[in-house]
C-alpha atoms as a PDB file:
ATOM      1  CA  MET A   1       0.000   0.000   0.000  1.00  0.00           C
ATOM      2  CA  GLU A   2       1.556   3.281  -1.153  1.00  0.00           C
ATOM      3  CA  MET A   3       0.592   6.878  -0.465  1.00  0.00           C
ATOM      4  CA  HIS A   4      -0.151   7.794  -4.056  1.00  0.00           C
ATOM      5  CA  GLN A   5      -2.416   4.743  -4.339  1.00  0.00           C
ATOM      6  CA  LEU A   6      -4.389   5.935  -1.318  1.00  0.00           C
ATOM      7  CA  ARG A   7      -4.663   9.425  -2.804  1.00  0.00           C
ATOM      8  CA  TYR A   8      -5.993   8.007  -6.061  1.00  0.00           C
ATOM      9  CA  PHE A   9      -8.409   5.729  -4.210  1.00  0.00           C
ATOM     10  CA  VAL A  10      -9.759   8.581  -2.058  1.00  0.00           C
ATOM     11  CA  ALA A  11     -10.222  10.741  -5.163  1.00  0.00           C
ATOM     12  CA  VAL A  12     -12.212   7.966  -6.870  1.00  0.00           C
ATOM     13  CA  ALA A  13     -14.296   7.469  -3.726  1.00  0.00           C
ATOM     14  CA  ARG A  14     -15.106  11.160  -3.377  1.00  0.00           C
ATOM     15  CA  LEU A  15     -15.756  11.916  -7.032  1.00  0.00           C
ATOM     16  CA  GLY A  16     -17.385   8.613  -8.008  1.00  0.00           C
ATOM     17  CA  ASN A  17     -15.756   8.750 -11.411  1.00  0.00           C
ATOM     18  CA  PHE A  18     -12.370   7.519 -12.636  1.00  0.00           C
ATOM     19  CA  THR A  19     -12.004  10.223 -15.281  1.00  0.00           C
ATOM     20  CA  ARG A  20     -12.723  13.074 -12.883  1.00  0.00           C
ATOM     21  CA  ALA A  21     -10.485  11.493 -10.240  1.00  0.00           C
ATOM     22  CA  ALA A  22      -7.603  11.287 -12.725  1.00  0.00           C
ATOM     23  CA  GLU A  23      -8.091  14.948 -13.682  1.00  0.00           C
ATOM     24  CA  HIS A  24      -8.186  15.903 -10.003  1.00  0.00           C
ATOM     25  CA  CYS A  25      -4.925  14.023  -9.341  1.00  0.00           C
ATOM     26  CA  ASN A  26      -3.266  15.335 -12.519  1.00  0.00           C
ATOM     27  CA  VAL A  27      -2.588  11.831 -13.779  1.00  0.00           C
ATOM     28  CA  ALA A  28      -3.671   9.860 -16.844  1.00  0.00           C
ATOM     29  CA  GLN A  29      -6.740   7.730 -16.233  1.00  0.00           C
ATOM     30  CA  PRO A  30      -5.075   4.418 -17.295  1.00  0.00           C
ATOM     31  CA  SER A  31      -2.311   5.077 -14.772  1.00  0.00           C
ATOM     32  CA  LEU A  32      -4.793   5.856 -12.010  1.00  0.00           C
ATOM     33  CA  SER A  33      -6.842   2.754 -12.799  1.00  0.00           C
ATOM     34  CA  GLN A  34      -3.693   0.616 -12.801  1.00  0.00           C
ATOM     35  CA  GLN A  35      -2.674   1.889  -9.364  1.00  0.00           C
ATOM     36  CA  ILE A  36      -6.147   1.216  -7.949  1.00  0.00           C
ATOM     37  CA  ARG A  37      -5.923  -2.360  -9.252  1.00  0.00           C
ATOM     38  CA  LYS A  38      -2.456  -2.753  -7.694  1.00  0.00           C
ATOM     39  CA  LEU A  39      -3.894  -1.546  -4.379  1.00  0.00           C
ATOM     40  CA  GLU A  40      -6.720  -4.086  -4.648  1.00  0.00           C
ATOM     41  CA  THR A  41      -4.234  -6.847  -5.456  1.00  0.00           C
ATOM     42  CA  SER A  42      -2.027  -5.974  -2.481  1.00  0.00           C
ATOM     43  CA  LEU A  43      -5.072  -6.071  -0.161  1.00  0.00           C
ATOM     44  CA  ASP A  44      -6.674  -9.067  -1.910  1.00  0.00           C
ATOM     45  CA  GLU A  45      -9.964  -7.142  -1.982  1.00  0.00           C
ATOM     46  CA  THR A  46     -12.130  -5.504  -4.617  1.00  0.00           C
ATOM     47  CA  LEU A  47     -12.477  -1.900  -3.465  1.00  0.00           C
ATOM     48  CA  VAL A  48     -14.367  -0.300  -6.352  1.00  0.00           C
ATOM     49  CA  HIS A  49     -17.186  -1.458  -8.593  1.00  0.00           C
ATOM     50  CA  ARG A  50     -16.442  -0.180 -12.124  1.00  0.00           C
ATOM     51  CA  LEU A  51     -19.578   1.074 -13.879  1.00  0.00           C
ATOM     52  CA  PRO A  52     -20.139   2.164 -17.492  1.00  0.00           C
ATOM     53  CA  GLY A  53     -18.904   5.650 -18.379  1.00  0.00           C
ATOM     54  CA  GLY A  54     -16.053   5.618 -15.896  1.00  0.00           C
ATOM     55  CA  LYS A  55     -18.385   5.802 -12.919  1.00  0.00           C
ATOM     56  CA  SER A  56     -17.590   3.939  -9.728  1.00  0.00           C
ATOM     57  CA  VAL A  57     -19.150   2.805  -6.450  1.00  0.00           C
ATOM     58  CA  LEU A  58     -17.266   1.590  -3.405  1.00  0.00           C
ATOM     59  CA  THR A  59     -17.636  -2.013  -2.308  1.00  0.00           C
ATOM     60  CA  PRO A  60     -18.125  -2.801   1.419  1.00  0.00           C
ATOM     61  CA  ALA A  61     -14.361  -3.331   1.652  1.00  0.00           C
ATOM     62  CA  GLY A  62     -13.819  -0.003  -0.095  1.00  0.00           C
ATOM     63  CA  GLU A  63     -16.110   1.743   2.392  1.00  0.00           C
ATOM     64  CA  LEU A  64     -14.031   0.329   5.267  1.00  0.00           C
ATOM     65  CA  LEU A  65     -10.771   1.479   3.714  1.00  0.00           C
ATOM     66  CA  TYR A  66     -12.068   4.913   2.689  1.00  0.00           C
ATOM     67  CA  LYS A  67     -12.444   6.365   6.176  1.00  0.00           C
ATOM     68  CA  ARG A  68      -9.034   5.105   7.300  1.00  0.00           C
ATOM     69  CA  ALA A  69      -7.415   6.281   4.081  1.00  0.00           C
ATOM     70  CA  CYS A  70      -8.791   9.780   4.718  1.00  0.00           C
ATOM     71  CA  ARG A  71      -7.325   9.720   8.225  1.00  0.00           C
ATOM     72  CA  ILE A  72      -3.941   8.478   6.968  1.00  0.00           C
ATOM     73  CA  LEU A  73      -3.716  11.202   4.325  1.00  0.00           C
ATOM     74  CA  SER A  74      -4.847  13.780   6.866  1.00  0.00           C
ATOM     75  CA  GLU A  75      -2.112  12.715   9.282  1.00  0.00           C
ATOM     76  CA  VAL A  76       0.489  12.954   6.525  1.00  0.00           C
ATOM     77  CA  LYS A  77      -0.771  16.436   5.652  1.00  0.00           C
ATOM     78  CA  ALA A  78      -0.661  17.446   9.326  1.00  0.00           C
ATOM     79  CA  ALA A  79       2.911  16.148   9.666  1.00  0.00           C
ATOM     80  CA  GLU A  80       4.010  18.137   6.615  1.00  0.00           C
ATOM     81  CA  GLU A  81       2.315  21.270   7.947  1.00  0.00           C
ATOM     82  CA  GLU A  82       3.865  20.886  11.405  1.00  0.00           C
ATOM     83  CA  LEU A  83       7.313  20.774   9.831  1.00  0.00           C
ATOM     84  CA  VAL A  84       6.502  23.902   7.830  1.00  0.00           C
ATOM     85  CA  ASP A  85       5.126  25.595  10.984  1.00  0.00           C
ATOM     86  CA  ARG A  86       8.438  24.961  12.744  1.00  0.00           C
ATOM     87  CA  ARG A  87      10.047  27.247  10.202  1.00  0.00           C
ATOM     88  CA  GLY A  88       7.517  29.959  11.038  1.00  0.00           C
ATOM     89  CA  VAL A  89       6.146  29.981   7.497  1.00  0.00           C
ATOM     90  CA  VAL A  90       2.413  30.410   6.924  1.00  0.00           C
ATOM     91  CA  SER A  91       1.783  28.397   3.761  1.00  0.00           C
ATOM     92  CA  GLY A  92       0.085  25.284   2.449  1.00  0.00           C
ATOM     93  CA  GLN A  93      -3.637  24.649   2.085  1.00  0.00           C
ATOM     94  CA  VAL A  94      -6.555  25.345   4.417  1.00  0.00           C
ATOM     95  CA  ARG A  95      -9.792  23.403   3.853  1.00  0.00           C
ATOM     96  CA  VAL A  96     -12.653  25.176   5.577  1.00  0.00           C
ATOM     97  CA  GLY A  97     -16.389  24.553   5.575  1.00  0.00           C
ATOM     98  CA  ALA A  98     -19.207  26.937   6.499  1.00  0.00           C
ATOM     99  CA  ILE A  99     -22.983  26.719   6.709  1.00  0.00           C
ATOM    100  CA  PRO A 100     -25.083  28.736   4.184  1.00  0.00           C
ATOM    101  CA  THR A 101     -26.223  31.254   6.825  1.00  0.00           C
ATOM    102  CA  ILE A 102     -22.575  32.178   7.464  1.00  0.00           C
ATOM    103  CA  ALA A 103     -20.550  31.595   4.293  1.00  0.00           C
ATOM    104  CA  PRO A 104     -21.996  34.376   2.062  1.00  0.00           C
ATOM    105  CA  PHE A 105     -21.757  37.037   4.764  1.00  0.00           C
ATOM    106  CA  LEU A 106     -18.489  36.302   6.558  1.00  0.00           C
ATOM    107  CA  LEU A 107     -16.037  34.554   4.265  1.00  0.00           C
ATOM    108  CA  ALA A 108     -15.496  37.102   1.502  1.00  0.00           C
ATOM    109  CA  ASP A 109     -13.930  39.843   3.645  1.00  0.00           C
ATOM    110  CA  ALA A 110     -11.776  37.358   5.576  1.00  0.00           C
ATOM    111  CA  ILE A 111     -10.593  35.565   2.435  1.00  0.00           C
ATOM    112  CA  TYR A 112      -9.637  38.826   0.728  1.00  0.00           C
ATOM    113  CA  ALA A 113      -7.688  40.178   3.709  1.00  0.00           C
ATOM    114  CA  PHE A 114      -6.009  36.845   4.378  1.00  0.00           C
ATOM    115  CA  GLY A 115      -5.081  36.424   0.715  1.00  0.00           C
ATOM    116  CA  GLN A 116      -3.458  39.854   0.648  1.00  0.00           C
ATOM    117  CA  ASP A 117      -1.263  38.996   3.641  1.00  0.00           C
ATOM    118  CA  TYR A 118      -0.606  35.306   2.926  1.00  0.00           C
ATOM    119  CA  PRO A 119      -0.622  34.738  -0.847  1.00  0.00           C
ATOM    120  CA  ASP A 120       1.181  31.394  -0.482  1.00  0.00           C
ATOM    121  CA  VAL A 121      -1.797  29.778   1.278  1.00  0.00           C
ATOM    122  CA  THR A 122      -4.498  28.098  -0.803  1.00  0.00           C
ATOM    123  CA  LEU A 123      -8.019  28.273   0.668  1.00  0.00           C
ATOM    124  CA  VAL A 124     -10.544  25.594  -0.277  1.00  0.00           C
ATOM    125  CA  VAL A 125     -14.073  26.491   0.870  1.00  0.00           C
ATOM    126  CA  GLN A 126     -17.106  24.215   1.146  1.00  0.00           C
ATOM    127  CA  GLU A 127     -20.597  25.615   1.821  1.00  0.00           C
ATOM    128  CA  MET A 128     -22.944  22.911   3.136  1.00  0.00           C
ATOM    129  CA  THR A 129     -25.360  22.018   5.920  1.00  0.00           C
ATOM    130  CA  THR A 130     -24.117  21.289   9.429  1.00  0.00           C
ATOM    131  CA  GLU A 131     -24.711  17.553   9.063  1.00  0.00           C
ATOM    132  CA  ARG A 132     -22.728  17.350   5.845  1.00  0.00           C
ATOM    133  CA  LEU A 133     -19.856  19.451   7.211  1.00  0.00           C
ATOM    134  CA  LEU A 134     -19.587  17.276  10.323  1.00  0.00           C
ATOM    135  CA  GLU A 135     -19.425  14.213   8.088  1.00  0.00           C
ATOM    136  CA  MET A 136     -16.581  15.829   6.146  1.00  0.00           C
ATOM    137  CA  LEU A 137     -14.764  16.683   9.372  1.00  0.00           C
ATOM    138  CA  ASP A 138     -15.168  13.092  10.526  1.00  0.00           C
ATOM    139  CA  ARG A 139     -13.606  11.864   7.274  1.00  0.00           C
ATOM    140  CA  SER A 140     -10.799  14.426   7.567  1.00  0.00           C
ATOM    141  CA  GLU A 141     -11.929  16.165   4.374  1.00  0.00           C
ATOM    142  CA  LEU A 142     -11.876  19.553   6.137  1.00  0.00           C
ATOM    143  CA  ASP A 143      -9.411  21.172   8.511  1.00  0.00           C
ATOM    144  CA  PHE A 144     -12.188  22.977  10.370  1.00  0.00           C
ATOM    145  CA  ALA A 145     -15.728  24.243   9.867  1.00  0.00           C
ATOM    146  CA  VAL A 146     -17.645  27.361  10.899  1.00  0.00           C
ATOM    147  CA  LEU A 147     -20.909  26.216  12.464  1.00  0.00           C
ATOM    148  CA  SER A 148     -23.684  27.123  14.857  1.00  0.00           C
ATOM    149  CA  PRO A 149     -24.262  24.616  17.712  1.00  0.00           C
ATOM    150  CA  PRO A 150     -25.568  22.179  18.695  1.00  0.00           C
ATOM    151  CA  LEU A 151     -23.138  19.806  16.971  1.00  0.00           C
ATOM    152  CA  ASP A 152     -24.048  16.134  16.763  1.00  0.00           C
ATOM    153  CA  GLY A 153     -21.548  13.301  16.818  1.00  0.00           C
ATOM    154  CA  GLY A 154     -18.029  14.164  17.799  1.00  0.00           C
ATOM    155  CA  PRO A 155     -16.391  14.750  20.138  1.00  0.00           C
ATOM    156  CA  TRP A 156     -15.327  18.037  18.567  1.00  0.00           C
ATOM    157  CA  ASN A 157     -12.822  20.673  19.475  1.00  0.00           C
ATOM    158  CA  THR A 158     -14.494  24.087  19.333  1.00  0.00           C
ATOM    159  CA  ARG A 159     -13.423  27.706  19.572  1.00  0.00           C
ATOM    160  CA  GLU A 160     -16.078  30.401  19.869  1.00  0.00           C
ATOM    161  CA  LEU A 161     -16.207  32.846  17.006  1.00  0.00           C
ATOM    162  CA  GLY A 162     -18.976  34.936  18.540  1.00  0.00           C
ATOM    163  CA  VAL A 163     -22.627  35.281  19.488  1.00  0.00           C
ATOM    164  CA  GLU A 164     -25.114  37.210  17.388  1.00  0.00           C
ATOM    165  CA  PRO A 165     -28.790  38.163  17.837  1.00  0.00           C
ATOM    166  CA  LEU A 166     -31.614  37.061  15.569  1.00  0.00           C
ATOM    167  CA  TYR A 167     -34.090  39.658  14.301  1.00  0.00           C
ATOM    168  CA  LEU A 168     -37.589  39.475  12.923  1.00  0.00           C
ATOM    169  CA  ALA A 169     -37.442  39.986   9.153  1.00  0.00           C
ATOM    170  CA  ALA A 170     -40.696  41.119   7.545  1.00  0.00           C
ATOM    171  CA  ASN A 171     -42.177  43.136   4.714  1.00  0.00           C
ATOM    172  CA  ARG A 172     -42.167  46.813   5.683  1.00  0.00           C
ATOM    173  CA  ASP A 173     -45.991  46.927   5.551  1.00  0.00           C
ATOM    174  CA  ASN A 174     -46.277  44.305   8.303  1.00  0.00           C
ATOM    175  CA  ALA A 175     -48.058  45.864  11.300  1.00  0.00           C
ATOM    176  CA  LEU A 176     -45.597  44.268  13.738  1.00  0.00           C
ATOM    177  CA  LEU A 177     -42.867  46.613  12.555  1.00  0.00           C
ATOM    178  CA  GLY A 178     -44.648  49.523  14.203  1.00  0.00           C
ATOM    179  CA  LYS A 179     -43.787  48.166  17.650  1.00  0.00           C
ATOM    180  CA  GLU A 180     -40.643  49.228  19.492  1.00  0.00           C
ATOM    181  CA  ALA A 181     -39.838  45.540  20.082  1.00  0.00           C
ATOM    182  CA  VAL A 182     -41.601  42.326  19.165  1.00  0.00           C
ATOM    183  CA  SER A 183     -42.171  39.328  21.419  1.00  0.00           C
ATOM    184  CA  LEU A 184     -42.020  35.787  20.097  1.00  0.00           C
ATOM    185  CA  GLY A 185     -45.714  35.475  20.987  1.00  0.00           C
ATOM    186  CA  ASP A 186     -46.503  38.365  18.617  1.00  0.00           C
ATOM    187  CA  ILE A 187     -45.482  36.292  15.606  1.00  0.00           C
ATOM    188  CA  ARG A 188     -47.570  33.255  16.566  1.00  0.00           C
ATOM    189  CA  ASP A 189     -50.103  33.796  13.753  1.00  0.00           C
ATOM    190  CA  GLU A 190     -47.622  34.805  11.044  1.00  0.00           C
ATOM    191  CA  ASP A 191     -46.740  32.688   8.024  1.00  0.00           C
ATOM    192  CA  PHE A 192     -43.068  31.690   8.221  1.00  0.00           C
ATOM    193  CA  ILE A 193     -40.413  31.283   5.558  1.00  0.00           C
ATOM    194  CA  LEU A 194     -37.549  29.131   6.816  1.00  0.00           C
ATOM    195  CA  MET A 195     -34.423  27.492   5.536  1.00  0.00           C
ATOM    196  CA  SER A 196     -34.884  23.962   4.214  1.00  0.00           C
ATOM    197  CA  GLU A 197     -34.800  21.031   6.606  1.00  0.00           C
ATOM    198  CA  GLY A 198     -31.287  20.173   7.697  1.00  0.00           C
ATOM    199  CA  HIS A 199     -30.261  23.805   8.175  1.00  0.00           C
ATOM    200  CA  CYS A 200     -29.456  24.606  11.798  1.00  0.00           C
ATOM    201  CA  LEU A 201     -31.140  28.027  11.625  1.00  0.00           C
ATOM    202  CA  THR A 202     -34.483  26.315  11.041  1.00  0.00           C
ATOM    203  CA  ASP A 203     -33.983  24.124  14.116  1.00  0.00           C
ATOM    204  CA  GLN A 204     -33.036  27.185  16.157  1.00  0.00           C
ATOM    205  CA  VAL A 205     -36.093  29.183  15.035  1.00  0.00           C
ATOM    206  CA  GLU A 206     -38.371  26.275  15.860  1.00  0.00           C
ATOM    207  CA  ARG A 207     -36.849  25.979  19.341  1.00  0.00           C
ATOM    208  CA  PHE A 208     -37.342  29.696  20.005  1.00  0.00           C
ATOM    209  CA  CYS A 209     -40.978  29.443  18.909  1.00  0.00           C
ATOM    210  CA  ASN A 210     -41.498  26.366  21.072  1.00  0.00           C
ATOM    211  CA  ARG A 211     -40.362  28.376  24.078  1.00  0.00           C
ATOM    212  CA  ALA A 212     -43.285  30.699  23.362  1.00  0.00           C
ATOM    213  CA  ASP A 213     -45.609  27.652  23.228  1.00  0.00           C
ATOM    214  CA  PHE A 214     -46.297  27.567  19.506  1.00  0.00           C
ATOM    215  CA  ARG A 215     -45.044  25.917  16.366  1.00  0.00           C
ATOM    216  CA  PRO A 216     -44.278  28.181  13.417  1.00  0.00           C
ATOM    217  CA  ARG A 217     -46.712  27.902  10.524  1.00  0.00           C
ATOM    218  CA  VAL A 218     -44.258  27.308   7.684  1.00  0.00           C
ATOM    219  CA  ARG A 219     -45.446  28.404   4.261  1.00  0.00           C
ATOM    220  CA  PHE A 220     -42.226  28.179   2.257  1.00  0.00           C
ATOM    221  CA  MET A 221     -38.742  26.757   2.716  1.00  0.00           C
ATOM    222  CA  SER A 222     -35.596  27.712   0.831  1.00  0.00           C
ATOM    223  CA  ALA A 223     -32.014  26.478   0.701  1.00  0.00           C
ATOM    224  CA  GLN A 224     -30.664  30.009   0.074  1.00  0.00           C
ATOM    225  CA  VAL A 225     -30.798  32.974   2.444  1.00  0.00           C
ATOM    226  CA  GLU A 226     -31.161  35.480  -0.406  1.00  0.00           C
ATOM    227  CA  THR A 227     -34.168  33.598  -1.798  1.00  0.00           C
ATOM    228  CA  LEU A 228     -35.712  33.619   1.667  1.00  0.00           C
ATOM    229  CA  LYS A 229     -35.192  37.387   1.897  1.00  0.00           C
ATOM    230  CA  SER A 230     -36.747  37.909  -1.538  1.00  0.00           C
ATOM    231  CA  LEU A 231     -39.883  36.058  -0.439  1.00  0.00           C
ATOM    232  CA  ILE A 232     -40.078  38.206   2.694  1.00  0.00           C
ATOM    233  CA  ARG A 233     -39.788  41.356   0.552  1.00  0.00           C
ATOM    234  CA  ALA A 234     -42.729  40.072  -1.487  1.00  0.00           C
ATOM    235  CA  GLY A 235     -44.841  39.806   1.669  1.00  0.00           C
ATOM    236  CA  VAL A 236     -45.135  36.025   1.556  1.00  0.00           C
ATOM    237  CA  GLY A 237     -44.202  35.635   5.223  1.00  0.00           C
ATOM    238  CA  VAL A 238     -41.745  36.468   7.991  1.00  0.00           C
ATOM    239  CA  SER A 239     -38.631  34.841   9.385  1.00  0.00           C
ATOM    240  CA  LEU A 240     -35.904  35.140  11.985  1.00  0.00           C
ATOM    241  CA  LEU A 241     -32.535  36.067  10.518  1.00  0.00           C
ATOM    242  CA  PRO A 242     -29.129  36.439  12.175  1.00  0.00           C
ATOM    243  CA  ALA A 243     -27.588  39.891  12.362  1.00  0.00           C
ATOM    244  CA  MET A 244     -24.913  38.663   9.954  1.00  0.00           C
ATOM    245  CA  ALA A 245     -27.491  38.340   7.168  1.00  0.00           C
ATOM    246  CA  MET A 246     -28.694  41.935   7.406  1.00  0.00           C
ATOM    247  CA  ASP A 247     -27.952  44.154   4.420  1.00  0.00           C
ATOM    248  CA  LEU A 248     -25.202  46.533   5.493  1.00  0.00           C
ATOM    249  CA  ASN A 249     -26.123  49.078   2.808  1.00  0.00           C
ATOM    250  CA  PRO A 250     -29.927  48.894   2.607  1.00  0.00           C
ATOM    251  CA  HIS A 251     -31.742  50.836  -0.107  1.00  0.00           C
ATOM    252  CA  PRO A 252     -34.290  53.319   1.289  1.00  0.00           C
ATOM    253  CA  GLU A 253     -37.022  51.714  -0.826  1.00  0.00           C
ATOM    254  CA  ASP A 254     -36.171  48.160   0.220  1.00  0.00           C
ATOM    255  CA  MET A 255     -39.324  46.295   1.266  1.00  0.00           C
ATOM    256  CA  LEU A 256     -37.361  44.167   3.765  1.00  0.00           C
ATOM    257  CA  ARG A 257     -37.308  45.524   7.308  1.00  0.00           C
ATOM    258  CA  TYR A 258     -36.160  44.197  10.666  1.00  0.00           C
ATOM    259  CA  ALA A 259     -37.445  44.366  14.223  1.00  0.00           C
ATOM    260  CA  SER A 260     -35.701  43.498  17.458  1.00  0.00           C
ATOM    261  CA  PHE A 261     -37.194  41.117  20.014  1.00  0.00           C
ATOM    262  CA  THR A 262     -37.974  41.727  23.636  1.00  0.00           C
ATOM    263  CA  ASP A 263     -35.826  39.901  26.159  1.00  0.00           C
ATOM    264  CA  PRO A 264     -34.821  37.168  26.075  1.00  0.00           C
ATOM    265  CA  GLN A 265     -33.506  38.114  22.637  1.00  0.00           C
ATOM    266  CA  PRO A 266     -33.088  35.054  20.377  1.00  0.00           C
ATOM    267  CA  LYS A 267     -29.381  34.521  19.726  1.00  0.00           C
ATOM    268  CA  ARG A 268     -27.124  31.983  18.118  1.00  0.00           C
ATOM    269  CA  SER A 269     -23.550  31.021  18.850  1.00  0.00           C
ATOM    270  CA  VAL A 270     -21.020  30.604  16.046  1.00  0.00           C
ATOM    271  CA  VAL A 271     -17.971  28.370  16.532  1.00  0.00           C
ATOM    272  CA  PHE A 272     -15.005  26.834  14.778  1.00  0.00           C
ATOM    273  CA  ALA A 273     -15.081  23.029  15.027  1.00  0.00           C
ATOM    274  CA  TRP A 274     -12.498  20.352  14.233  1.00  0.00           C
ATOM    275  CA  ARG A 275     -11.618  16.832  15.299  1.00  0.00           C
ATOM    276  CA  PRO A 276      -9.735  16.660  18.644  1.00  0.00           C
ATOM    277  CA  GLU A 277      -6.989  14.412  17.256  1.00  0.00           C
ATOM    278  CA  PHE A 278      -6.406  16.791  14.324  1.00  0.00           C
ATOM    279  CA  THR A 279      -3.705  19.417  14.840  1.00  0.00           C
ATOM    280  CA  LEU A 280      -4.582  22.674  13.158  1.00  0.00           C
ATOM    281  CA  SER A 281      -1.848  24.082  10.962  1.00  0.00           C
ATOM    282  CA  GLN A 282      -0.498  27.549  11.596  1.00  0.00           C
ATOM    283  CA  ALA A 283      -2.259  28.704   8.430  1.00  0.00           C
ATOM    284  CA  SER A 284      -5.598  27.378   9.761  1.00  0.00           C
ATOM    285  CA  VAL A 285      -5.157  29.153  13.101  1.00  0.00           C
ATOM    286  CA  VAL A 286      -4.218  32.416  11.403  1.00  0.00           C
ATOM    287  CA  PHE A 287      -7.209  32.185   9.041  1.00  0.00           C
ATOM    288  CA  GLN A 288      -9.493  31.606  12.040  1.00  0.00           C
ATOM    289  CA  ASP A 289      -8.173  34.880  13.457  1.00  0.00           C
ATOM    290  CA  TYR A 290      -9.058  36.641  10.199  1.00  0.00           C
ATOM    291  CA  LEU A 291     -12.567  35.179  10.346  1.00  0.00           C
ATOM    292  CA  LYS A 292     -12.865  36.412  13.923  1.00  0.00           C
ATOM    293  CA  LYS A 293     -11.855  39.921  12.850  1.00  0.00           C
ATOM    294  CA  ALA A 294     -14.380  39.829  10.000  1.00  0.00           C
ATOM    295  CA  PHE A 295     -17.108  38.682  12.403  1.00  0.00           C
ATOM    296  CA  VAL A 296     -16.385  41.514  14.857  1.00  0.00           C
ATOM    297  CA  ALA A 297     -16.179  44.116  12.080  1.00  0.00           C
ATOM    298  CA  ARG A 298     -19.486  43.016  10.593  1.00  0.00           C
ATOM    299  CA  ALA A 299     -21.119  43.060  14.026  1.00  0.00           C
ATOM    300  CA  GLU A 300     -19.931  46.623  14.585  1.00  0.00           C
ATOM    301  CA  ARG A 301     -21.211  47.743  11.191  1.00  0.00           C
ATOM    302  CA  GLY A 302     -24.516  46.022  11.944  1.00  0.00           C
ATOM    303  CA  LYS A 303     -24.885  47.875  15.249  1.00  0.00           C
ATOM    304  CA  ALA A 304     -24.302  51.185  13.478  1.00  0.00           C
ATOM    305  CA  LEU A 305     -27.001  50.375  10.920  1.00  0.00           C
ATOM    306  CA  ILE A 306     -29.547  48.701  13.163  1.00  0.00           C
ATOM    307  CA  LYS A 307     -31.184  52.002  14.100  1.00  0.00           C
ATOM    308  CA  HIS A 308     -32.043  52.521  10.440  1.00  0.00           C
ATOM    309  CA  ALA A 309     -32.766  48.867   9.631  1.00  0.00           C
ATOM    310  CA  ILE A 310     -35.323  48.435  12.420  1.00  0.00           C
ATOM    311  CA  SER A 311     -38.588  50.243  11.891  1.00  0.00           C
END
């Protein structure tokens, strides 16, 4: 069993296609296929079912090897990065995941600033649901993820990025926006627009509503925050959105408005999460610091705008 064989095997497992795996590994497909067969011969196991069109599916033996292969490659990567870190050089690759209610609003500023200061570091970003990101962390496909608890599975190492309030988001003609502050009970009879099932924000909103002894009447669900906001602008329903998702430069004629809640104000925590046995590279730690700075800066800009954003 050789390292390049494991890399090829993991690429085939992740991409489900020999041609795409060969392109990803910058190797000719016949060579990749040959190395996979050599790996199978050395283990005396069939690891991959070859399907027409270059497609592939892992066998039960392949499934067993896949998770360990990911861990092995991750450990090799960590060892290489630790040696680089000893030289005080911030370089290499950082694989980071973020949920859809964070990625569009936080990553861009941090990535730009980080890239200006550390051009030798390659950032690979994945935007997915919490469940999917935790699966990727468990398979060592990510260095760390930016999530909002609770986090299933684990155990996980976490570092708090910050805490942010949730606001009522509604069409500006909604009568609730005339109040100085809204209680959760006030929105009992509203139609709700929430993120699709599997998104942690939906679970959080439902828990907040349950505390007020009602279940939200969900009219629409969307996988994208911007689509959700567009539906609110159209007057289809209301939602609870994190401060991070507020428009920092709202147009005066925008139909989307926000209202704060009475105490206890709904809030969500945002954390970095990674596997406890995984040692973060210096580049990962530094990029976390840039994300933290971006989070704080956005929060400050939000506070300055909230007087105008809330009716």
